[in-house]
Amino acid sequence: GALALKSVPKKMIVIGAGYIGLEMGSVYARLGSEVTVIEYADRVVPALDTEIATHFQKQLQKQGLKFHFKTKVTAGKRNNNQAELTIEPRDGGQSTTVTADVCLIATGRRPFTDKLNAQAIGVQIDKQGRIAINELFQTHVKNVFAIGDVVAGPMLAHKAEEEGVACVEMIAGHDAHINYNTIPGVIYTHPEVAAVGKTEEQLKAESIQYTKGVFPFMANSRARANLDYEGLVKILSDKQTNKILGIHIIGPNAGEMIAEGVLGMEYGASAEDIGRVCHAHPTLSEAFKEACLAAHSKACLLYTSDAADDLLCVDLGGRRIIKKKK
């Protein structure tokens, strides 16, 4: 795999613009590889909130990654010690050939259950290769339980860990609880991306009225002092109750910062609840506080943006404006 390469390839093709493809592709781009990403969808990480994904894609392009969206791979072979792929537009069109020293296939993962022979003892496996379980993680065989990547849900180590603890607690006769709506996802690139809960697109599709609060790291003193201020924090809250429905972060320390939001969502916090908590200064987490205040319409700074790289911050008294153009 990509972690076992003995040298940095001059050119790398990545098939799939998801978590793993972008993590590995961005690493090799920073090491000096010319990285081209081929993606069937029309943008990076289709499950991401669109505003965050747009900003993320622009940052990756600044780092030198090249993208072919709405593109499918129709053939691949080894030719003179090079990977040669035939690609074409997914909606029809002329095929072309691209070559590289290395091709990384990152089109998703599947449960590795083929060789378990679990069905021989009565354990049922669905069409996706996942083991069927009930709410107690119990399979169709009473004394056989399953958790993690071999069952339904996101293939995340922390999700599997929580399921393991809950499963053992239930076996021991105790009460246990997992809220699958508060399982965070993190993309370990630079900048990092972290998210939990609903995206803005999901809320619109479900006809849920919401309020959005956004705060850019450009206006955060710690981020500016660190010279690492690309990105923003985005809070989505219920318009009537102000309960937090979704949190989306791109920027420094996003993977750590998301934990505060997960804790708040787990206990049903409103954006105001977190916004009124004192956050140390100067810290990156102040951006989280300000985004929550913005979702509650009490922000010290307001943020608007027509393009991901443009920002405008104005305090409620109208005394200060921070504007960044491309």
C-alpha atoms as a PDB file:
ATOM      1  CA  GLY A   1       0.000   0.000   0.000  1.00  0.00           C
ATOM      2  CA  ALA A   2       0.860   3.699   0.029  1.00  0.00           C
ATOM      3  CA  LEU A   3       2.473   3.407   3.476  1.00  0.00           C
ATOM      4  CA  ALA A   4       4.940   0.782   2.232  1.00  0.00           C
ATOM      5  CA  LEU A   5       6.469   2.703  -0.678  1.00  0.00           C
ATOM      6  CA  LYS A   6      10.266   2.732  -0.471  1.00  0.00           C
ATOM      7  CA  SER A   7      10.635   6.094  -2.193  1.00  0.00           C
ATOM      8  CA  VAL A   8       8.533   9.153  -2.987  1.00  0.00           C
ATOM      9  CA  PRO A   9       7.051   8.725  -6.479  1.00  0.00           C
ATOM     10  CA  LYS A  10       7.417  11.556  -8.947  1.00  0.00           C
ATOM     11  CA  LYS A  11       3.799  11.149 -10.053  1.00  0.00           C
ATOM     12  CA  MET A  12       0.898   9.550  -8.202  1.00  0.00           C
ATOM     13  CA  ILE A  13      -2.693   8.929  -9.247  1.00  0.00           C
ATOM     14  CA  VAL A  14      -5.325   8.551  -6.538  1.00  0.00           C
ATOM     15  CA  ILE A  15      -8.649   6.967  -7.450  1.00  0.00           C
ATOM     16  CA  GLY A  16     -11.226   8.324  -5.026  1.00  0.00           C
ATOM     17  CA  ALA A  17     -11.474  11.754  -3.350  1.00  0.00           C
ATOM     18  CA  GLY A  18     -12.646  10.422  -0.001  1.00  0.00           C
ATOM     19  CA  TYR A  19     -11.022  10.450   3.439  1.00  0.00           C
ATOM     20  CA  ILE A  20      -8.207   7.995   2.740  1.00  0.00           C
ATOM     21  CA  GLY A  21      -7.434   9.119  -0.799  1.00  0.00           C
ATOM     22  CA  LEU A  22      -7.075  12.757   0.236  1.00  0.00           C
ATOM     23  CA  GLU A  23      -5.118  11.966   3.395  1.00  0.00           C
ATOM     24  CA  MET A  24      -2.549   9.885   1.524  1.00  0.00           C
ATOM     25  CA  GLY A  25      -2.575  12.084  -1.559  1.00  0.00           C
ATOM     26  CA  SER A  26      -1.924  15.252   0.432  1.00  0.00           C
ATOM     27  CA  VAL A  27       0.937  13.593   2.336  1.00  0.00           C
ATOM     28  CA  TYR A  28       2.713  12.636  -0.882  1.00  0.00           C
ATOM     29  CA  ALA A  29       2.003  16.049  -2.409  1.00  0.00           C
ATOM     30  CA  ARG A  30       3.800  17.657   0.528  1.00  0.00           C
ATOM     31  CA  LEU A  31       6.668  15.215   0.048  1.00  0.00           C
ATOM     32  CA  GLY A  32       7.026  16.383  -3.530  1.00  0.00           C
ATOM     33  CA  SER A  33       4.855  14.058  -5.633  1.00  0.00           C
ATOM     34  CA  GLU A  34       2.682  15.353  -8.446  1.00  0.00           C
ATOM     35  CA  VAL A  35      -0.702  14.054  -7.316  1.00  0.00           C
ATOM     36  CA  THR A  36      -3.782  13.683  -9.528  1.00  0.00           C
ATOM     37  CA  VAL A  37      -7.087  12.629  -7.946  1.00  0.00           C
ATOM     38  CA  ILE A  38      -9.821  10.968 -10.007  1.00  0.00           C
ATOM     39  CA  GLU A  39     -13.311  11.123  -8.513  1.00  0.00           C
ATOM     40  CA  TYR A  40     -16.653   9.841  -9.838  1.00  0.00           C
ATOM     41  CA  ALA A  41     -18.648  12.439  -7.881  1.00  0.00           C
ATOM     42  CA  ASP A  42     -18.632  16.174  -8.593  1.00  0.00           C
ATOM     43  CA  ARG A  43     -16.558  17.205  -5.546  1.00  0.00           C
ATOM     44  CA  VAL A  44     -14.314  15.967  -2.766  1.00  0.00           C
ATOM     45  CA  VAL A  45     -15.791  13.861   0.063  1.00  0.00           C
ATOM     46  CA  PRO A  46     -19.425  13.959  -1.087  1.00  0.00           C
ATOM     47  CA  ALA A  47     -20.705  13.289   2.446  1.00  0.00           C
ATOM     48  CA  LEU A  48     -19.168  16.526   3.734  1.00  0.00           C
ATOM     49  CA  ASP A  49     -21.099  19.737   4.191  1.00  0.00           C
ATOM     50  CA  THR A  50     -20.825  21.481   0.811  1.00  0.00           C
ATOM     51  CA  GLU A  51     -19.463  24.768   2.165  1.00  0.00           C
ATOM     52  CA  ILE A  52     -16.705  22.931   4.027  1.00  0.00           C
ATOM     53  CA  ALA A  53     -15.971  20.664   1.048  1.00  0.00           C
ATOM     54  CA  THR A  54     -15.612  23.672  -1.274  1.00  0.00           C
ATOM     55  CA  HIS A  55     -13.144  25.330   1.079  1.00  0.00           C
ATOM     56  CA  PHE A  56     -11.299  22.028   1.557  1.00  0.00           C
ATOM     57  CA  GLN A  57     -10.938  21.447  -2.174  1.00  0.00           C
ATOM     58  CA  LYS A  58      -9.473  24.909  -2.713  1.00  0.00           C
ATOM     59  CA  GLN A  59      -6.903  24.358   0.018  1.00  0.00           C
ATOM     60  CA  LEU A  60      -5.843  21.045  -1.515  1.00  0.00           C
ATOM     61  CA  GLN A  61      -5.539  22.642  -4.935  1.00  0.00           C
ATOM     62  CA  LYS A  62      -3.316  25.322  -3.428  1.00  0.00           C
ATOM     63  CA  GLN A  63      -1.085  22.491  -2.217  1.00  0.00           C
ATOM     64  CA  GLY A  64      -0.754  21.231  -5.777  1.00  0.00           C
ATOM     65  CA  LEU A  65      -3.319  18.426  -5.978  1.00  0.00           C
ATOM     66  CA  LYS A  66      -5.088  18.174  -9.323  1.00  0.00           C
ATOM     67  CA  PHE A  67      -8.632  16.840  -9.631  1.00  0.00           C
ATOM     68  CA  HIS A  68     -10.705  15.118 -12.305  1.00  0.00           C
ATOM     69  CA  PHE A  69     -14.334  15.178 -11.106  1.00  0.00           C
ATOM     70  CA  LYS A  70     -17.303  13.403 -12.703  1.00  0.00           C
ATOM     71  CA  THR A  71     -14.761  10.948 -14.085  1.00  0.00           C
ATOM     72  CA  LYS A  72     -14.629   7.162 -14.086  1.00  0.00           C
ATOM     73  CA  VAL A  73     -11.774   4.732 -14.612  1.00  0.00           C
ATOM     74  CA  THR A  74     -12.579   2.173 -17.308  1.00  0.00           C
ATOM     75  CA  ALA A  75      -9.276   0.313 -17.557  1.00  0.00           C
ATOM     76  CA  GLY A  76      -5.867   0.062 -15.975  1.00  0.00           C
ATOM     77  CA  LYS A  77      -2.615  -1.729 -16.662  1.00  0.00           C
ATOM     78  CA  ARG A  78       1.109  -1.760 -15.988  1.00  0.00           C
ATOM     79  CA  ASN A  79       3.143  -0.348 -18.895  1.00  0.00           C
ATOM     80  CA  ASN A  80       6.947   0.028 -18.747  1.00  0.00           C
ATOM     81  CA  ASN A  81       6.952   0.163 -14.956  1.00  0.00           C
ATOM     82  CA  GLN A  82       4.224   2.809 -14.984  1.00  0.00           C
ATOM     83  CA  ALA A  83       0.548   2.706 -14.045  1.00  0.00           C
ATOM     84  CA  GLU A  84      -1.577   3.503 -17.102  1.00  0.00           C
ATOM     85  CA  LEU A  85      -5.274   4.279 -16.640  1.00  0.00           C
ATOM     86  CA  THR A  86      -8.026   4.909 -19.134  1.00  0.00           C
ATOM     87  CA  ILE A  87     -10.536   7.475 -17.886  1.00  0.00           C
ATOM     88  CA  GLU A  88     -13.634   9.077 -19.346  1.00  0.00           C
ATOM     89  CA  PRO A  89     -16.405  11.470 -18.237  1.00  0.00           C
ATOM     90  CA  ARG A  90     -18.979   9.601 -16.163  1.00  0.00           C
ATOM     91  CA  ASP A  91     -21.826  11.076 -18.217  1.00  0.00           C
ATOM     92  CA  GLY A  92     -20.269  10.079 -21.515  1.00  0.00           C
ATOM     93  CA  GLY A  93     -17.494  11.491 -23.671  1.00  0.00           C
ATOM     94  CA  GLN A  94     -14.047  10.901 -25.066  1.00  0.00           C
ATOM     95  CA  SER A  95     -11.737   8.610 -23.094  1.00  0.00           C
ATOM     96  CA  THR A  96      -8.165   9.641 -22.301  1.00  0.00           C
ATOM     97  CA  THR A  97      -5.096   7.960 -20.845  1.00  0.00           C
ATOM     98  CA  VAL A  98      -3.204   9.105 -17.744  1.00  0.00           C
ATOM     99  CA  THR A  99       0.020   7.638 -16.369  1.00  0.00           C
ATOM    100  CA  ALA A 100       1.931   7.760 -13.092  1.00  0.00           C
ATOM    101  CA  ASP A 101       4.613   5.928 -11.158  1.00  0.00           C
ATOM    102  CA  VAL A 102       2.073   4.786  -8.571  1.00  0.00           C
ATOM    103  CA  CYS A 103      -1.703   4.400  -8.505  1.00  0.00           C
ATOM    104  CA  LEU A 104      -3.513   4.390  -5.157  1.00  0.00           C
ATOM    105  CA  ILE A 105      -7.014   2.887  -5.232  1.00  0.00           C
ATOM    106  CA  ALA A 106      -9.056   4.494  -2.450  1.00  0.00           C
ATOM    107  CA  THR A 107     -12.650   3.926  -3.513  1.00  0.00           C
ATOM    108  CA  GLY A 108     -13.912   2.765  -0.140  1.00  0.00           C
ATOM    109  CA  ARG A 109     -13.685  -0.174   2.198  1.00  0.00           C
ATOM    110  CA  ARG A 110     -15.745  -3.289   2.855  1.00  0.00           C
ATOM    111  CA  PRO A 111     -16.095  -5.682   5.783  1.00  0.00           C
ATOM    112  CA  PHE A 112     -13.489  -8.435   5.737  1.00  0.00           C
ATOM    113  CA  THR A 113     -15.855 -11.282   6.572  1.00  0.00           C
ATOM    114  CA  ASP A 114     -15.360 -13.609   3.592  1.00  0.00           C
ATOM    115  CA  LYS A 115     -13.067 -16.047   5.392  1.00  0.00           C
ATOM    116  CA  LEU A 116     -14.742 -16.071   8.806  1.00  0.00           C
ATOM    117  CA  ASN A 117     -16.989 -18.990   7.853  1.00  0.00           C
ATOM    118  CA  ALA A 118     -19.494 -17.382  10.202  1.00  0.00           C
ATOM    119  CA  GLN A 119     -22.511 -18.598   8.244  1.00  0.00           C
ATOM    120  CA  ALA A 120     -21.536 -22.179   9.070  1.00  0.00           C
ATOM    121  CA  ILE A 121     -22.663 -21.598  12.675  1.00  0.00           C
ATOM    122  CA  GLY A 122     -25.775 -19.613  11.732  1.00  0.00           C
ATOM    123  CA  VAL A 123     -24.451 -16.039  11.727  1.00  0.00           C
ATOM    124  CA  GLN A 124     -26.199 -14.085   8.969  1.00  0.00           C
ATOM    125  CA  ILE A 125     -24.285 -11.780   6.618  1.00  0.00           C
ATOM    126  CA  ASP A 126     -25.966  -9.215   4.354  1.00  0.00           C
ATOM    127  CA  LYS A 127     -25.225  -8.397   0.704  1.00  0.00           C
ATOM    128  CA  GLN A 128     -22.570  -5.853   1.719  1.00  0.00           C
ATOM    129  CA  GLY A 129     -20.717  -8.481   3.727  1.00  0.00           C
ATOM    130  CA  ARG A 130     -21.797  -7.032   7.081  1.00  0.00           C
ATOM    131  CA  ILE A 131     -22.791  -9.213  10.009  1.00  0.00           C
ATOM    132  CA  ALA A 132     -26.430  -8.762  10.994  1.00  0.00           C
ATOM    133  CA  ILE A 133     -26.950  -7.799  14.653  1.00  0.00           C
ATOM    134  CA  ASN A 134     -29.731  -6.519  16.908  1.00  0.00           C
ATOM    135  CA  GLU A 135     -29.680  -3.544  19.288  1.00  0.00           C
ATOM    136  CA  LEU A 136     -27.597  -5.598  21.752  1.00  0.00           C
ATOM    137  CA  PHE A 137     -24.916  -6.340  19.103  1.00  0.00           C
ATOM    138  CA  GLN A 138     -26.126  -9.936  19.164  1.00  0.00           C
ATOM    139  CA  THR A 139     -26.083 -11.980  15.970  1.00  0.00           C
ATOM    140  CA  HIS A 140     -28.626 -14.653  15.047  1.00  0.00           C
ATOM    141  CA  VAL A 141     -26.524 -16.984  17.206  1.00  0.00           C
ATOM    142  CA  LYS A 142     -27.364 -16.108  20.812  1.00  0.00           C
ATOM    143  CA  ASN A 143     -23.827 -16.225  22.218  1.00  0.00           C
ATOM    144  CA  VAL A 144     -22.067 -14.569  19.260  1.00  0.00           C
ATOM    145  CA  PHE A 145     -21.749 -10.777  19.156  1.00  0.00           C
ATOM    146  CA  ALA A 146     -20.249  -8.418  16.566  1.00  0.00           C
ATOM    147  CA  ILE A 147     -19.028  -4.807  16.578  1.00  0.00           C
ATOM    148  CA  GLY A 148     -16.948  -2.367  14.554  1.00  0.00           C
ATOM    149  CA  ASP A 149     -16.090  -2.582  10.882  1.00  0.00           C
ATOM    150  CA  VAL A 150     -17.932  -5.880  10.313  1.00  0.00           C
ATOM    151  CA  VAL A 151     -21.339  -4.387  11.198  1.00  0.00           C
ATOM    152  CA  ALA A 152     -23.326  -1.480   9.780  1.00  0.00           C
ATOM    153  CA  GLY A 153     -22.172   2.070  10.340  1.00  0.00           C
ATOM    154  CA  PRO A 154     -19.054   4.152   9.707  1.00  0.00           C
ATOM    155  CA  MET A 155     -15.759   2.232   9.698  1.00  0.00           C
ATOM    156  CA  LEU A 156     -14.101   4.283  12.414  1.00  0.00           C
ATOM    157  CA  ALA A 157     -11.875   3.058  15.227  1.00  0.00           C
ATOM    158  CA  HIS A 158     -13.600   5.227  17.839  1.00  0.00           C
ATOM    159  CA  LYS A 159     -17.027   3.981  16.749  1.00  0.00           C
ATOM    160  CA  ALA A 160     -15.825   0.386  17.134  1.00  0.00           C
ATOM    161  CA  GLU A 161     -14.351   1.204  20.550  1.00  0.00           C
ATOM    162  CA  GLU A 162     -17.634   2.630  21.814  1.00  0.00           C
ATOM    163  CA  GLU A 163     -19.521  -0.385  20.480  1.00  0.00           C
ATOM    164  CA  GLY A 164     -17.072  -2.751  22.172  1.00  0.00           C
ATOM    165  CA  VAL A 165     -17.567  -1.103  25.560  1.00  0.00           C
ATOM    166  CA  ALA A 166     -21.355  -1.000  25.169  1.00  0.00           C
ATOM    167  CA  CYS A 167     -21.478  -4.624  24.011  1.00  0.00           C
ATOM    168  CA  VAL A 168     -19.536  -5.922  27.027  1.00  0.00           C
ATOM    169  CA  GLU A 169     -21.598  -3.797  29.408  1.00  0.00           C
ATOM    170  CA  MET A 170     -24.791  -5.288  27.979  1.00  0.00           C
ATOM    171  CA  ILE A 171     -23.409  -8.822  28.197  1.00  0.00           C
ATOM    172  CA  ALA A 172     -22.631  -8.127  31.867  1.00  0.00           C
ATOM    173  CA  GLY A 173     -26.235  -7.042  32.419  1.00  0.00           C
ATOM    174  CA  HIS A 174     -25.636  -3.304  32.646  1.00  0.00           C
ATOM    175  CA  ASP A 175     -27.309  -0.485  30.751  1.00  0.00           C
ATOM    176  CA  ALA A 176     -25.333   0.917  27.841  1.00  0.00           C
ATOM    177  CA  HIS A 177     -25.774   3.713  25.351  1.00  0.00           C
ATOM    178  CA  ILE A 178     -24.385   4.795  21.981  1.00  0.00           C
ATOM    179  CA  ASN A 179     -25.649   7.857  20.145  1.00  0.00           C
ATOM    180  CA  TYR A 180     -24.753   7.275  16.506  1.00  0.00           C
ATOM    181  CA  ASN A 181     -25.691  10.885  15.723  1.00  0.00           C
ATOM    182  CA  THR A 182     -22.693  12.053  17.747  1.00  0.00           C
ATOM    183  CA  ILE A 183     -19.949   9.945  16.188  1.00  0.00           C
ATOM    184  CA  PRO A 184     -17.420  12.465  14.816  1.00  0.00           C
ATOM    185  CA  GLY A 185     -15.493  12.070  11.606  1.00  0.00           C
ATOM    186  CA  VAL A 186     -12.045  13.571  11.047  1.00  0.00           C
ATOM    187  CA  ILE A 187      -9.946  13.926   7.888  1.00  0.00           C
ATOM    188  CA  TYR A 188      -6.287  14.055   8.885  1.00  0.00           C
ATOM    189  CA  THR A 189      -5.000  16.388   6.226  1.00  0.00           C
ATOM    190  CA  HIS A 190      -3.634  19.907   6.539  1.00  0.00           C
ATOM    191  CA  PRO A 191      -5.832  21.702   7.227  1.00  0.00           C
ATOM    192  CA  GLU A 192      -7.754  19.112   9.216  1.00  0.00           C
ATOM    193  CA  VAL A 193     -11.472  18.637   8.662  1.00  0.00           C
ATOM    194  CA  ALA A 194     -13.858  17.436  11.376  1.00  0.00           C
ATOM    195  CA  ALA A 195     -17.625  17.067  11.470  1.00  0.00           C
ATOM    196  CA  VAL A 196     -20.460  15.660  13.554  1.00  0.00           C
ATOM    197  CA  GLY A 197     -24.221  15.736  13.110  1.00  0.00           C
ATOM    198  CA  LYS A 198     -26.241  17.078  10.201  1.00  0.00           C
ATOM    199  CA  THR A 199     -24.907  18.935   7.183  1.00  0.00           C
ATOM    200  CA  GLU A 200     -26.647  22.034   5.885  1.00  0.00           C
ATOM    201  CA  GLU A 201     -27.829  20.045   2.862  1.00  0.00           C
ATOM    202  CA  GLN A 202     -29.379  17.356   5.081  1.00  0.00           C
ATOM    203  CA  LEU A 203     -31.278  19.945   7.102  1.00  0.00           C
ATOM    204  CA  LYS A 204     -32.660  21.492   3.924  1.00  0.00           C
ATOM    205  CA  ALA A 205     -33.646  18.072   2.557  1.00  0.00           C
ATOM    206  CA  GLU A 206     -35.448  17.269   5.819  1.00  0.00           C
ATOM    207  CA  SER A 207     -37.176  20.686   5.840  1.00  0.00           C
ATOM    208  CA  ILE A 208     -35.674  21.543   9.223  1.00  0.00           C
ATOM    209  CA  GLN A 209     -35.439  25.255   9.922  1.00  0.00           C
ATOM    210  CA  TYR A 210     -32.005  26.139  11.205  1.00  0.00           C
ATOM    211  CA  THR A 211     -29.630  28.939  12.054  1.00  0.00           C
ATOM    212  CA  LYS A 212     -26.014  29.007  10.887  1.00  0.00           C
ATOM    213  CA  GLY A 213     -23.103  30.481  12.784  1.00  0.00           C
ATOM    214  CA  VAL A 214     -19.681  30.702  11.101  1.00  0.00           C
ATOM    215  CA  PHE A 215     -16.385  32.049  12.388  1.00  0.00           C
ATOM    216  CA  PRO A 216     -13.086  32.137  10.430  1.00  0.00           C
ATOM    217  CA  PHE A 217      -9.716  31.271  11.931  1.00  0.00           C
ATOM    218  CA  MET A 218      -8.423  34.382  10.142  1.00  0.00           C
ATOM    219  CA  ALA A 219     -10.068  36.374  12.949  1.00  0.00           C
ATOM    220  CA  ASN A 220      -8.683  34.133  15.726  1.00  0.00           C
ATOM    221  CA  SER A 221      -5.611  35.565  17.459  1.00  0.00           C
ATOM    222  CA  ARG A 222      -3.980  32.192  18.254  1.00  0.00           C
ATOM    223  CA  ALA A 223      -4.346  30.997  14.669  1.00  0.00           C
ATOM    224  CA  ARG A 224      -2.892  34.239  13.341  1.00  0.00           C
ATOM    225  CA  ALA A 225       0.022  34.086  15.777  1.00  0.00           C
ATOM    226  CA  ASN A 226       0.714  30.516  14.623  1.00  0.00           C
ATOM    227  CA  LEU A 227       0.524  31.611  10.965  1.00  0.00           C
ATOM    228  CA  ASP A 228      -1.998  28.803  10.449  1.00  0.00           C
ATOM    229  CA  TYR A 229      -5.351  30.487   9.940  1.00  0.00           C
ATOM    230  CA  GLU A 230      -6.984  28.898   6.890  1.00  0.00           C
ATOM    231  CA  GLY A 231     -10.454  27.583   7.634  1.00  0.00           C
ATOM    232  CA  LEU A 232     -13.523  28.168   9.747  1.00  0.00           C
ATOM    233  CA  VAL A 233     -15.910  26.751  12.334  1.00  0.00           C
ATOM    234  CA  LYS A 234     -19.546  26.263  11.311  1.00  0.00           C
ATOM    235  CA  ILE A 235     -22.387  25.608  13.758  1.00  0.00           C
ATOM    236  CA  LEU A 236     -25.911  24.594  12.685  1.00  0.00           C
ATOM    237  CA  SER A 237     -28.652  24.930  15.292  1.00  0.00           C
ATOM    238  CA  ASP A 238     -32.410  24.508  15.390  1.00  0.00           C
ATOM    239  CA  LYS A 239     -34.087  27.821  14.572  1.00  0.00           C
ATOM    240  CA  GLN A 240     -36.688  27.477  17.330  1.00  0.00           C
ATOM    241  CA  THR A 241     -34.785  25.832  20.187  1.00  0.00           C
ATOM    242  CA  ASN A 242     -31.166  26.745  19.272  1.00  0.00           C
ATOM    243  CA  LYS A 243     -30.215  23.088  19.912  1.00  0.00           C
ATOM    244  CA  ILE A 244     -27.032  22.204  18.039  1.00  0.00           C
ATOM    245  CA  LEU A 245     -27.747  19.958  15.057  1.00  0.00           C
ATOM    246  CA  GLY A 246     -24.406  19.887  13.257  1.00  0.00           C
ATOM    247  CA  ILE A 247     -20.814  21.048  13.647  1.00  0.00           C
ATOM    248  CA  HIS A 248     -18.321  21.373  10.791  1.00  0.00           C
ATOM    249  CA  ILE A 249     -14.724  22.561  11.141  1.00  0.00           C
ATOM    250  CA  ILE A 250     -11.869  23.000   8.707  1.00  0.00           C
ATOM    251  CA  GLY A 251      -8.652  24.384  10.075  1.00  0.00           C
ATOM    252  CA  PRO A 252      -5.950  23.946  12.721  1.00  0.00           C
ATOM    253  CA  ASN A 253      -6.703  21.454  15.498  1.00  0.00           C
ATOM    254  CA  ALA A 254     -10.121  20.603  14.032  1.00  0.00           C
ATOM    255  CA  GLY A 255      -9.854  16.961  15.102  1.00  0.00           C
ATOM    256  CA  GLU A 256      -9.342  17.975  18.722  1.00  0.00           C
ATOM    257  CA  MET A 257     -11.818  20.850  18.730  1.00  0.00           C
ATOM    258  CA  ILE A 258     -14.707  18.690  17.517  1.00  0.00           C
ATOM    259  CA  ALA A 259     -14.770  16.889  20.901  1.00  0.00           C
ATOM    260  CA  GLU A 260     -16.241  19.962  22.590  1.00  0.00           C
ATOM    261  CA  GLY A 261     -19.068  19.942  20.092  1.00  0.00           C
ATOM    262  CA  VAL A 262     -19.660  16.194  20.439  1.00  0.00           C
ATOM    263  CA  LEU A 263     -19.938  16.602  24.214  1.00  0.00           C
ATOM    264  CA  GLY A 264     -22.398  19.452  23.790  1.00  0.00           C
ATOM    265  CA  MET A 265     -24.547  17.532  21.313  1.00  0.00           C
ATOM    266  CA  GLU A 266     -24.514  14.422  23.507  1.00  0.00           C
ATOM    267  CA  TYR A 267     -26.128  16.446  26.303  1.00  0.00           C
ATOM    268  CA  GLY A 268     -28.496  18.343  24.024  1.00  0.00           C
ATOM    269  CA  ALA A 269     -26.732  21.695  24.330  1.00  0.00           C
ATOM    270  CA  SER A 270     -27.836  24.805  22.522  1.00  0.00           C
ATOM    271  CA  ALA A 271     -25.411  27.022  20.657  1.00  0.00           C
ATOM    272  CA  GLU A 272     -25.942  29.605  23.395  1.00  0.00           C
ATOM    273  CA  ASP A 273     -24.927  27.087  26.087  1.00  0.00           C
ATOM    274  CA  ILE A 274     -21.456  26.654  24.567  1.00  0.00           C
ATOM    275  CA  GLY A 275     -21.196  30.277  23.487  1.00  0.00           C
ATOM    276  CA  ARG A 276     -21.656  31.449  27.086  1.00  0.00           C
ATOM    277  CA  VAL A 277     -18.893  29.160  28.429  1.00  0.00           C
ATOM    278  CA  CYS A 278     -15.620  30.980  29.115  1.00  0.00           C
ATOM    279  CA  HIS A 279     -12.882  29.896  26.715  1.00  0.00           C
ATOM    280  CA  ALA A 280      -9.263  30.753  27.486  1.00  0.00           C
ATOM    281  CA  HIS A 281      -7.570  33.472  25.470  1.00  0.00           C
ATOM    282  CA  PRO A 282      -5.687  33.156  23.219  1.00  0.00           C
ATOM    283  CA  THR A 283      -6.810  29.712  22.043  1.00  0.00           C
ATOM    284  CA  LEU A 284      -8.133  28.204  18.841  1.00  0.00           C
ATOM    285  CA  SER A 285     -11.241  27.102  20.728  1.00  0.00           C
ATOM    286  CA  GLU A 286     -12.363  30.726  20.892  1.00  0.00           C
ATOM    287  CA  ALA A 287     -13.324  30.303  17.234  1.00  0.00           C
ATOM    288  CA  PHE A 288     -15.711  27.556  18.341  1.00  0.00           C
ATOM    289  CA  LYS A 289     -17.224  29.837  20.971  1.00  0.00           C
ATOM    290  CA  GLU A 290     -17.683  32.667  18.469  1.00  0.00           C
ATOM    291  CA  ALA A 291     -19.340  30.373  15.911  1.00  0.00           C
ATOM    292  CA  CYS A 292     -21.779  29.246  18.600  1.00  0.00           C
ATOM    293  CA  LEU A 293     -22.531  32.866  19.510  1.00  0.00           C
ATOM    294  CA  ALA A 294     -23.094  33.603  15.823  1.00  0.00           C
ATOM    295  CA  ALA A 295     -25.588  30.726  15.650  1.00  0.00           C
ATOM    296  CA  HIS A 296     -27.316  32.371  18.593  1.00  0.00           C
ATOM    297  CA  SER A 297     -27.108  35.813  16.916  1.00  0.00           C
ATOM    298  CA  LYS A 298     -24.926  37.171  19.707  1.00  0.00           C
ATOM    299  CA  ALA A 299     -21.549  37.104  17.995  1.00  0.00           C
ATOM    300  CA  CYS A 300     -18.817  39.610  18.750  1.00  0.00           C
ATOM    301  CA  LEU A 301     -17.860  39.120  15.117  1.00  0.00           C
ATOM    302  CA  LEU A 302     -20.098  38.176  12.233  1.00  0.00           C
ATOM    303  CA  TYR A 303     -18.839  36.254   9.192  1.00  0.00           C
ATOM    304  CA  THR A 304     -20.188  36.244   5.666  1.00  0.00           C
ATOM    305  CA  SER A 305     -18.643  34.788   2.542  1.00  0.00           C
ATOM    306  CA  ASP A 306     -19.627  34.477  -1.087  1.00  0.00           C
ATOM    307  CA  ALA A 307     -16.436  32.567  -1.842  1.00  0.00           C
ATOM    308  CA  ALA A 308     -14.560  30.251   0.474  1.00  0.00           C
ATOM    309  CA  ASP A 309     -11.428  32.396   0.417  1.00  0.00           C
ATOM    310  CA  ASP A 310     -13.165  35.746   1.026  1.00  0.00           C
ATOM    311  CA  LEU A 311     -14.144  36.783   4.507  1.00  0.00           C
ATOM    312  CA  LEU A 312     -15.837  39.732   6.075  1.00  0.00           C
ATOM    313  CA  CYS A 313     -15.986  40.225   9.837  1.00  0.00           C
ATOM    314  CA  VAL A 314     -17.981  43.054  11.387  1.00  0.00           C
ATOM    315  CA  ASP A 315     -18.670  43.496  15.086  1.00  0.00           C
ATOM    316  CA  LEU A 316     -22.218  44.256  16.170  1.00  0.00           C
ATOM    317  CA  GLY A 317     -21.411  47.920  16.620  1.00  0.00           C
ATOM    318  CA  GLY A 318     -20.126  48.125  13.068  1.00  0.00           C
ATOM    319  CA  ARG A 319     -16.753  49.390  14.236  1.00  0.00           C
ATOM    320  CA  ARG A 320     -14.397  46.882  12.636  1.00  0.00           C
ATOM    321  CA  ILE A 321     -14.133  45.188   9.254  1.00  0.00           C
ATOM    322  CA  ILE A 322     -11.638  42.477   8.302  1.00  0.00           C
ATOM    323  CA  LYS A 323     -11.714  41.588   4.645  1.00  0.00           C
ATOM    324  CA  LYS A 324      -9.529  39.168   2.708  1.00  0.00           C
ATOM    325  CA  LYS A 325      -9.543  38.841  -1.046  1.00  0.00           C
ATOM    326  CA  LYS A 326      -7.952  36.177  -3.220  1.00  0.00           C
END
